[in-house]
Amino acid sequence: MKKILISLFLILLFSSNQSAFALKEIVSLDETENQPTKIETTKTAPLEIAINFDWLDISQAQRDENIEHYKNLLFENNESKIYFTKEEFKKEFAKFKKDKSYKYHYMLTNEGVTEDEEAKYCAFYSKGKTLLIYAIQYKNNPTNAFYYSAFGKLYYTDITSKEYPNFPYTSMQYNRNGKLKSAIYFLSNDLQYMYDGNKEFQGIWYKDTMYDRNGKNTLTRSNW
């Protein structure tokens, strides 16, 4: 459960605020004419998508088709690099391996600060309200978010596609060795398809509720 909640940092914090900025460098590959779910774009800025949420009404065959469709967009039809060797990943993010200002950032996040001139922040606490992990999204590096331990050790890195904040866009999360842990396809602020690093479907989020492939409610989130 904790891993799922942490991997949804984008959904829980950034996707709920349309003034937030991106976290990835992956080109969105969605083609609207081939989407199983009917959508229409509005003229708002950033570009939003109106979604007809019908997950609980469509057949199981249609749900399975949708799951395969977005899995293919994330993993098979993605022209951008989504897999890294350990060496490639460490070289790419070497400067972020250790948060040199971890004492300062720990203090900020532990006091509930979510944004300053430098970055946006998110804190993750234990049941005893001890800060275990904090996340940083630097404003001069908006396509990434970094998750650190209380002592500034890098745990996870998020990479978000350049379409953000316009929908659709994608989000990939990697562990400290560059292994893909989760992949999320953002159709809108309300609707996301989530998969693990092995391409297994984890669920579809609609607003504050996650549903599995059979339409069963499996999780809820409080800060959508």
C-alpha atoms as a PDB file:
ATOM      1  CA  MET A   1       0.000   0.000   0.000  1.00  0.00           C
ATOM      2  CA  LYS A   2       2.773   2.449   0.901  1.00  0.00           C
ATOM      3  CA  LYS A   3       4.520   1.843  -2.420  1.00  0.00           C
ATOM      4  CA  ILE A   4       1.327   2.594  -4.330  1.00  0.00           C
ATOM      5  CA  LEU A   5       0.709   5.785  -2.396  1.00  0.00           C
ATOM      6  CA  ILE A   6       4.265   6.998  -2.867  1.00  0.00           C
ATOM      7  CA  SER A   7       4.241   6.216  -6.574  1.00  0.00           C
ATOM      8  CA  LEU A   8       1.154   8.392  -6.909  1.00  0.00           C
ATOM      9  CA  PHE A   9       2.956  11.560  -5.817  1.00  0.00           C
ATOM     10  CA  LEU A  10       2.051  13.199  -9.105  1.00  0.00           C
ATOM     11  CA  ILE A  11      -1.588  12.233  -8.886  1.00  0.00           C
ATOM     12  CA  LEU A  12      -1.966  13.191  -5.253  1.00  0.00           C
ATOM     13  CA  LEU A  13      -0.149  16.509  -5.467  1.00  0.00           C
ATOM     14  CA  PHE A  14       0.589  17.871  -8.915  1.00  0.00           C
ATOM     15  CA  SER A  15      -2.308  16.627 -11.012  1.00  0.00           C
ATOM     16  CA  SER A  16      -4.768  18.103  -8.543  1.00  0.00           C
ATOM     17  CA  ASN A  17      -3.440  21.605  -9.228  1.00  0.00           C
ATOM     18  CA  GLN A  18      -3.519  22.828 -12.793  1.00  0.00           C
ATOM     19  CA  SER A  19      -0.919  25.507 -12.082  1.00  0.00           C
ATOM     20  CA  ALA A  20       1.643  22.836 -11.292  1.00  0.00           C
ATOM     21  CA  PHE A  21       4.381  21.832 -13.695  1.00  0.00           C
ATOM     22  CA  ALA A  22       5.568  18.671 -15.390  1.00  0.00           C
ATOM     23  CA  LEU A  23       7.528  15.597 -14.380  1.00  0.00           C
ATOM     24  CA  LYS A  24       8.480  13.699 -17.573  1.00  0.00           C
ATOM     25  CA  GLU A  25      10.294  13.571 -20.866  1.00  0.00           C
ATOM     26  CA  ILE A  26       8.172  11.048 -22.737  1.00  0.00           C
ATOM     27  CA  VAL A  27       6.165  11.960 -25.811  1.00  0.00           C
ATOM     28  CA  SER A  28       2.469  11.269 -25.460  1.00  0.00           C
ATOM     29  CA  LEU A  29       1.383   8.722 -28.057  1.00  0.00           C
ATOM     30  CA  ASP A  30      -2.375   8.810 -27.641  1.00  0.00           C
ATOM     31  CA  GLU A  31      -4.369   9.084 -30.859  1.00  0.00           C
ATOM     32  CA  THR A  32      -7.833  10.380 -30.145  1.00  0.00           C
ATOM     33  CA  GLU A  33      -9.459   8.595 -33.059  1.00  0.00           C
ATOM     34  CA  ASN A  34      -8.372   5.236 -31.632  1.00  0.00           C
ATOM     35  CA  GLN A  35      -9.267   5.799 -27.992  1.00  0.00           C
ATOM     36  CA  PRO A  36     -11.721   3.312 -26.485  1.00  0.00           C
ATOM     37  CA  THR A  37     -13.037   6.047 -24.165  1.00  0.00           C
ATOM     38  CA  LYS A  38     -14.911   8.883 -25.835  1.00  0.00           C
ATOM     39  CA  ILE A  39     -13.251  12.241 -25.222  1.00  0.00           C
ATOM     40  CA  GLU A  40     -13.540  15.816 -26.348  1.00  0.00           C
ATOM     41  CA  THR A  41     -11.102  18.667 -25.825  1.00  0.00           C
ATOM     42  CA  THR A  42     -12.071  22.013 -24.423  1.00  0.00           C
ATOM     43  CA  LYS A  43     -10.587  25.447 -25.087  1.00  0.00           C
ATOM     44  CA  THR A  44      -9.309  25.953 -21.560  1.00  0.00           C
ATOM     45  CA  ALA A  45      -5.640  26.549 -20.817  1.00  0.00           C
ATOM     46  CA  PRO A  46      -3.941  24.292 -20.022  1.00  0.00           C
ATOM     47  CA  LEU A  47      -5.718  21.939 -22.392  1.00  0.00           C
ATOM     48  CA  GLU A  48      -8.167  19.787 -20.438  1.00  0.00           C
ATOM     49  CA  ILE A  49     -10.039  16.732 -21.644  1.00  0.00           C
ATOM     50  CA  ALA A  50     -13.662  15.963 -20.869  1.00  0.00           C
ATOM     51  CA  ILE A  51     -13.986  12.265 -20.074  1.00  0.00           C
ATOM     52  CA  ASN A  52     -17.112  10.164 -20.117  1.00  0.00           C
ATOM     53  CA  PHE A  53     -16.335   7.805 -17.227  1.00  0.00           C
ATOM     54  CA  ASP A  54     -18.083   4.544 -18.029  1.00  0.00           C
ATOM     55  CA  TRP A  55     -15.784   1.979 -16.381  1.00  0.00           C
ATOM     56  CA  LEU A  56     -18.591   0.570 -14.251  1.00  0.00           C
ATOM     57  CA  ASP A  57     -21.053   0.390 -17.148  1.00  0.00           C
ATOM     58  CA  ILE A  58     -19.049  -1.121 -20.001  1.00  0.00           C
ATOM     59  CA  SER A  59     -18.513  -4.843 -20.518  1.00  0.00           C
ATOM     60  CA  GLN A  60     -15.528  -6.737 -19.147  1.00  0.00           C
ATOM     61  CA  ALA A  61     -14.293  -7.211 -22.710  1.00  0.00           C
ATOM     62  CA  GLN A  62     -14.299  -3.438 -23.235  1.00  0.00           C
ATOM     63  CA  ARG A  63     -12.460  -2.825 -19.947  1.00  0.00           C
ATOM     64  CA  ASP A  64      -9.824  -5.361 -20.952  1.00  0.00           C
ATOM     65  CA  GLU A  65      -9.499  -3.669 -24.338  1.00  0.00           C
ATOM     66  CA  ASN A  66      -8.994  -0.275 -22.700  1.00  0.00           C
ATOM     67  CA  ILE A  67      -6.348  -1.704 -20.377  1.00  0.00           C
ATOM     68  CA  GLU A  68      -4.412  -3.130 -23.328  1.00  0.00           C
ATOM     69  CA  HIS A  69      -4.791   0.097 -25.306  1.00  0.00           C
ATOM     70  CA  TYR A  70      -3.169   2.302 -22.678  1.00  0.00           C
ATOM     71  CA  LYS A  71      -0.569  -0.312 -21.827  1.00  0.00           C
ATOM     72  CA  ASN A  72       0.499  -0.258 -25.459  1.00  0.00           C
ATOM     73  CA  LEU A  73       0.675   3.537 -25.452  1.00  0.00           C
ATOM     74  CA  LEU A  74       2.889   3.464 -22.374  1.00  0.00           C
ATOM     75  CA  PHE A  75       5.174   0.558 -23.197  1.00  0.00           C
ATOM     76  CA  GLU A  76       4.973  -0.624 -26.799  1.00  0.00           C
ATOM     77  CA  ASN A  77       4.286   2.478 -28.907  1.00  0.00           C
ATOM     78  CA  ASN A  78       6.536   4.770 -26.934  1.00  0.00           C
ATOM     79  CA  GLU A  79       9.383   6.125 -29.048  1.00  0.00           C
ATOM     80  CA  SER A  80      11.130   7.716 -26.073  1.00  0.00           C
ATOM     81  CA  LYS A  81      13.576   5.908 -23.843  1.00  0.00           C
ATOM     82  CA  ILE A  82      11.812   4.384 -20.861  1.00  0.00           C
ATOM     83  CA  TYR A  83      14.317   1.712 -19.797  1.00  0.00           C
ATOM     84  CA  PHE A  84      17.755   2.457 -18.390  1.00  0.00           C
ATOM     85  CA  THR A  85      20.720   0.408 -17.328  1.00  0.00           C
ATOM     86  CA  LYS A  86      21.908   1.031 -13.787  1.00  0.00           C
ATOM     87  CA  GLU A  87      24.934   2.883 -15.127  1.00  0.00           C
ATOM     88  CA  GLU A  88      22.920   5.042 -17.529  1.00  0.00           C
ATOM     89  CA  PHE A  89      20.464   6.063 -14.878  1.00  0.00           C
ATOM     90  CA  LYS A  90      23.062   6.916 -12.264  1.00  0.00           C
ATOM     91  CA  LYS A  91      24.980   9.008 -14.786  1.00  0.00           C
ATOM     92  CA  GLU A  92      21.821  10.821 -15.896  1.00  0.00           C
ATOM     93  CA  PHE A  93      20.788  11.751 -12.353  1.00  0.00           C
ATOM     94  CA  ALA A  94      24.154  11.794 -10.594  1.00  0.00           C
ATOM     95  CA  LYS A  95      23.713  15.346  -9.275  1.00  0.00           C
ATOM     96  CA  PHE A  96      20.442  14.359  -7.589  1.00  0.00           C
ATOM     97  CA  LYS A  97      21.731  11.214  -5.878  1.00  0.00           C
ATOM     98  CA  LYS A  98      22.141  13.124  -2.632  1.00  0.00           C
ATOM     99  CA  ASP A  99      20.154  16.148  -1.515  1.00  0.00           C
ATOM    100  CA  LYS A 100      22.910  18.384  -0.165  1.00  0.00           C
ATOM    101  CA  SER A 101      20.304  20.650   1.408  1.00  0.00           C
ATOM    102  CA  TYR A 102      18.389  17.826   3.027  1.00  0.00           C
ATOM    103  CA  LYS A 103      18.298  19.430   6.483  1.00  0.00           C
ATOM    104  CA  TYR A 104      16.676  22.526   5.059  1.00  0.00           C
ATOM    105  CA  HIS A 105      14.263  20.596   2.827  1.00  0.00           C
ATOM    106  CA  TYR A 106      13.395  18.228   5.667  1.00  0.00           C
ATOM    107  CA  MET A 107      12.559  21.218   7.854  1.00  0.00           C
ATOM    108  CA  LEU A 108      10.409  22.804   5.128  1.00  0.00           C
ATOM    109  CA  THR A 109       8.403  19.698   4.319  1.00  0.00           C
ATOM    110  CA  ASN A 110       8.035  18.684   7.959  1.00  0.00           C
ATOM    111  CA  GLU A 111       6.536  22.105   8.643  1.00  0.00           C
ATOM    112  CA  GLY A 112       4.016  21.639   5.849  1.00  0.00           C
ATOM    113  CA  VAL A 113       5.609  23.880   3.217  1.00  0.00           C
ATOM    114  CA  THR A 114       4.495  22.709  -0.243  1.00  0.00           C
ATOM    115  CA  GLU A 115       6.077  25.383  -2.446  1.00  0.00           C
ATOM    116  CA  ASP A 116       8.677  28.138  -2.460  1.00  0.00           C
ATOM    117  CA  GLU A 117      10.594  30.034  -5.163  1.00  0.00           C
ATOM    118  CA  GLU A 118      12.858  27.055  -5.768  1.00  0.00           C
ATOM    119  CA  ALA A 119      10.559  24.054  -5.896  1.00  0.00           C
ATOM    120  CA  LYS A 120       7.394  22.212  -4.947  1.00  0.00           C
ATOM    121  CA  TYR A 121       7.452  19.722  -2.089  1.00  0.00           C
ATOM    122  CA  CYS A 122       5.479  16.788  -0.746  1.00  0.00           C
ATOM    123  CA  ALA A 123       5.945  14.901   2.531  1.00  0.00           C
ATOM    124  CA  PHE A 124       5.165  11.262   3.359  1.00  0.00           C
ATOM    125  CA  TYR A 125       4.693  10.318   7.010  1.00  0.00           C
ATOM    126  CA  SER A 126       4.553   7.138   9.062  1.00  0.00           C
ATOM    127  CA  LYS A 127       1.458   6.338  11.086  1.00  0.00           C
ATOM    128  CA  GLY A 128       3.259   7.945  13.995  1.00  0.00           C
ATOM    129  CA  LYS A 129       3.502  11.192  11.995  1.00  0.00           C
ATOM    130  CA  THR A 130       7.265  10.881  11.482  1.00  0.00           C
ATOM    131  CA  LEU A 131       8.433  12.200   8.123  1.00  0.00           C
ATOM    132  CA  LEU A 132       9.879   9.250   6.199  1.00  0.00           C
ATOM    133  CA  ILE A 133      10.212  10.577   2.646  1.00  0.00           C
ATOM    134  CA  TYR A 134       9.977  13.999   1.051  1.00  0.00           C
ATOM    135  CA  ALA A 135       9.702  14.768  -2.662  1.00  0.00           C
ATOM    136  CA  ILE A 136      11.071  17.743  -4.580  1.00  0.00           C
ATOM    137  CA  GLN A 137      10.140  19.074  -8.018  1.00  0.00           C
ATOM    138  CA  TYR A 138      12.535  21.876  -8.942  1.00  0.00           C
ATOM    139  CA  LYS A 139      11.099  24.729 -10.958  1.00  0.00           C
ATOM    140  CA  ASN A 140      14.210  24.879 -13.155  1.00  0.00           C
ATOM    141  CA  ASN A 141      13.897  21.136 -13.835  1.00  0.00           C
ATOM    142  CA  PRO A 142      10.134  20.621 -14.198  1.00  0.00           C
ATOM    143  CA  THR A 143      10.244  17.260 -15.955  1.00  0.00           C
ATOM    144  CA  ASN A 144      11.494  15.407 -12.874  1.00  0.00           C
ATOM    145  CA  ALA A 145      10.565  14.839  -9.243  1.00  0.00           C
ATOM    146  CA  PHE A 146      12.910  13.323  -6.671  1.00  0.00           C
ATOM    147  CA  TYR A 147      11.998  11.396  -3.512  1.00  0.00           C
ATOM    148  CA  TYR A 148      14.487  11.451  -0.634  1.00  0.00           C
ATOM    149  CA  SER A 149      14.853   9.822   2.755  1.00  0.00           C
ATOM    150  CA  ALA A 150      14.939  12.034   5.834  1.00  0.00           C
ATOM    151  CA  PHE A 151      18.735  12.079   5.423  1.00  0.00           C
ATOM    152  CA  GLY A 152      18.687  13.149   1.779  1.00  0.00           C
ATOM    153  CA  LYS A 153      19.251   9.758   0.120  1.00  0.00           C
ATOM    154  CA  LEU A 154      17.507   9.378  -3.234  1.00  0.00           C
ATOM    155  CA  TYR A 155      14.809   6.691  -3.313  1.00  0.00           C
ATOM    156  CA  TYR A 156      12.742   7.337  -6.455  1.00  0.00           C
ATOM    157  CA  THR A 157      12.746   9.546  -9.538  1.00  0.00           C
ATOM    158  CA  ASP A 158       9.682  10.525 -11.570  1.00  0.00           C
ATOM    159  CA  ILE A 159       9.917  11.506 -15.227  1.00  0.00           C
ATOM    160  CA  THR A 160       6.872  13.136 -16.852  1.00  0.00           C
ATOM    161  CA  SER A 161       6.194  13.787 -20.525  1.00  0.00           C
ATOM    162  CA  LYS A 162       6.645  17.207 -22.077  1.00  0.00           C
ATOM    163  CA  GLU A 163       2.905  17.588 -22.816  1.00  0.00           C
ATOM    164  CA  TYR A 164       2.230  18.472 -19.192  1.00  0.00           C
ATOM    165  CA  PRO A 165       0.109  20.290 -18.119  1.00  0.00           C
ATOM    166  CA  ASN A 166      -1.914  19.539 -21.265  1.00  0.00           C
ATOM    167  CA  PHE A 167      -3.594  16.149 -21.415  1.00  0.00           C
ATOM    168  CA  PRO A 168      -2.898  13.390 -22.169  1.00  0.00           C
ATOM    169  CA  TYR A 169       0.573  12.924 -20.684  1.00  0.00           C
ATOM    170  CA  THR A 170       2.550  10.114 -19.073  1.00  0.00           C
ATOM    171  CA  SER A 171       4.494   9.557 -15.870  1.00  0.00           C
ATOM    172  CA  MET A 172       7.176   6.961 -15.144  1.00  0.00           C
ATOM    173  CA  GLN A 173       8.734   6.255 -11.758  1.00  0.00           C
ATOM    174  CA  TYR A 174      12.147   4.624 -11.229  1.00  0.00           C
ATOM    175  CA  ASN A 175      13.975   3.374  -8.174  1.00  0.00           C
ATOM    176  CA  ARG A 176      17.485   4.553  -7.307  1.00  0.00           C
ATOM    177  CA  ASN A 177      19.028   2.005  -9.700  1.00  0.00           C
ATOM    178  CA  GLY A 178      16.905   3.063 -12.667  1.00  0.00           C
ATOM    179  CA  LYS A 179      14.469   0.159 -12.567  1.00  0.00           C
ATOM    180  CA  LEU A 180      10.985   1.110 -13.734  1.00  0.00           C
ATOM    181  CA  LYS A 181       8.517   0.762 -10.870  1.00  0.00           C
ATOM    182  CA  SER A 182       5.310   2.304 -12.198  1.00  0.00           C
ATOM    183  CA  ALA A 183       3.811   3.916 -15.294  1.00  0.00           C
ATOM    184  CA  ILE A 184       0.750   6.157 -15.381  1.00  0.00           C
ATOM    185  CA  TYR A 185      -1.251   7.442 -18.328  1.00  0.00           C
ATOM    186  CA  PHE A 186      -3.033  10.706 -17.498  1.00  0.00           C
ATOM    187  CA  LEU A 187      -6.124  11.111 -19.650  1.00  0.00           C
ATOM    188  CA  SER A 188      -7.358  14.049 -17.569  1.00  0.00           C
ATOM    189  CA  ASN A 189      -7.179  15.521 -14.114  1.00  0.00           C
ATOM    190  CA  ASP A 190      -9.926  13.068 -13.148  1.00  0.00           C
ATOM    191  CA  LEU A 191      -8.856   9.892 -14.924  1.00  0.00           C
ATOM    192  CA  GLN A 192      -5.594   7.905 -14.970  1.00  0.00           C
ATOM    193  CA  TYR A 193      -4.546   4.375 -15.902  1.00  0.00           C
ATOM    194  CA  MET A 194      -1.809   2.921 -13.688  1.00  0.00           C
ATOM    195  CA  TYR A 195       0.573  -0.011 -14.350  1.00  0.00           C
ATOM    196  CA  ASP A 196       3.553  -1.424 -12.499  1.00  0.00           C
ATOM    197  CA  GLY A 197       7.057  -1.781 -13.915  1.00  0.00           C
ATOM    198  CA  ASN A 198       6.207  -5.236 -15.267  1.00  0.00           C
ATOM    199  CA  LYS A 199       3.335  -3.790 -17.337  1.00  0.00           C
ATOM    200  CA  GLU A 200       0.707  -5.252 -15.016  1.00  0.00           C
ATOM    201  CA  PHE A 201      -2.444  -3.159 -14.653  1.00  0.00           C
ATOM    202  CA  GLN A 202      -2.824  -1.736 -11.138  1.00  0.00           C
ATOM    203  CA  GLY A 203      -6.073   0.145 -11.551  1.00  0.00           C
ATOM    204  CA  ILE A 204      -7.896   3.092 -13.032  1.00  0.00           C
ATOM    205  CA  TRP A 205      -8.257   6.244 -10.948  1.00  0.00           C
ATOM    206  CA  TYR A 206     -11.389   8.316 -11.348  1.00  0.00           C
ATOM    207  CA  LYS A 207     -11.336  11.376  -9.097  1.00  0.00           C
ATOM    208  CA  ASP A 208     -10.759  10.007  -5.573  1.00  0.00           C
ATOM    209  CA  THR A 209     -11.369   6.309  -6.278  1.00  0.00           C
ATOM    210  CA  MET A 210      -9.318   3.520  -7.855  1.00  0.00           C
ATOM    211  CA  TYR A 211     -11.052   0.586  -9.575  1.00  0.00           C
ATOM    212  CA  ASP A 212      -9.530  -2.725 -10.647  1.00  0.00           C
ATOM    213  CA  ARG A 213     -10.033  -4.400 -14.019  1.00  0.00           C
ATOM    214  CA  ASN A 214     -13.345  -5.833 -12.862  1.00  0.00           C
ATOM    215  CA  GLY A 215     -14.753  -2.522 -11.666  1.00  0.00           C
ATOM    216  CA  LYS A 216     -14.176  -3.161  -7.957  1.00  0.00           C
ATOM    217  CA  ASN A 217     -13.201  -0.199  -5.745  1.00  0.00           C
ATOM    218  CA  THR A 218      -9.724  -0.922  -4.348  1.00  0.00           C
ATOM    219  CA  LEU A 219      -8.318   2.408  -3.073  1.00  0.00           C
ATOM    220  CA  THR A 220      -9.350   5.958  -2.269  1.00  0.00           C
ATOM    221  CA  ARG A 221      -7.297   9.157  -2.034  1.00  0.00           C
ATOM    222  CA  SER A 222      -8.020  12.115   0.181  1.00  0.00           C
ATOM    223  CA  ASN A 223      -6.314  15.005  -1.611  1.00  0.00           C
ATOM    224  CA  TRP A 224      -7.521  14.647  -5.200  1.00  0.00           C
END
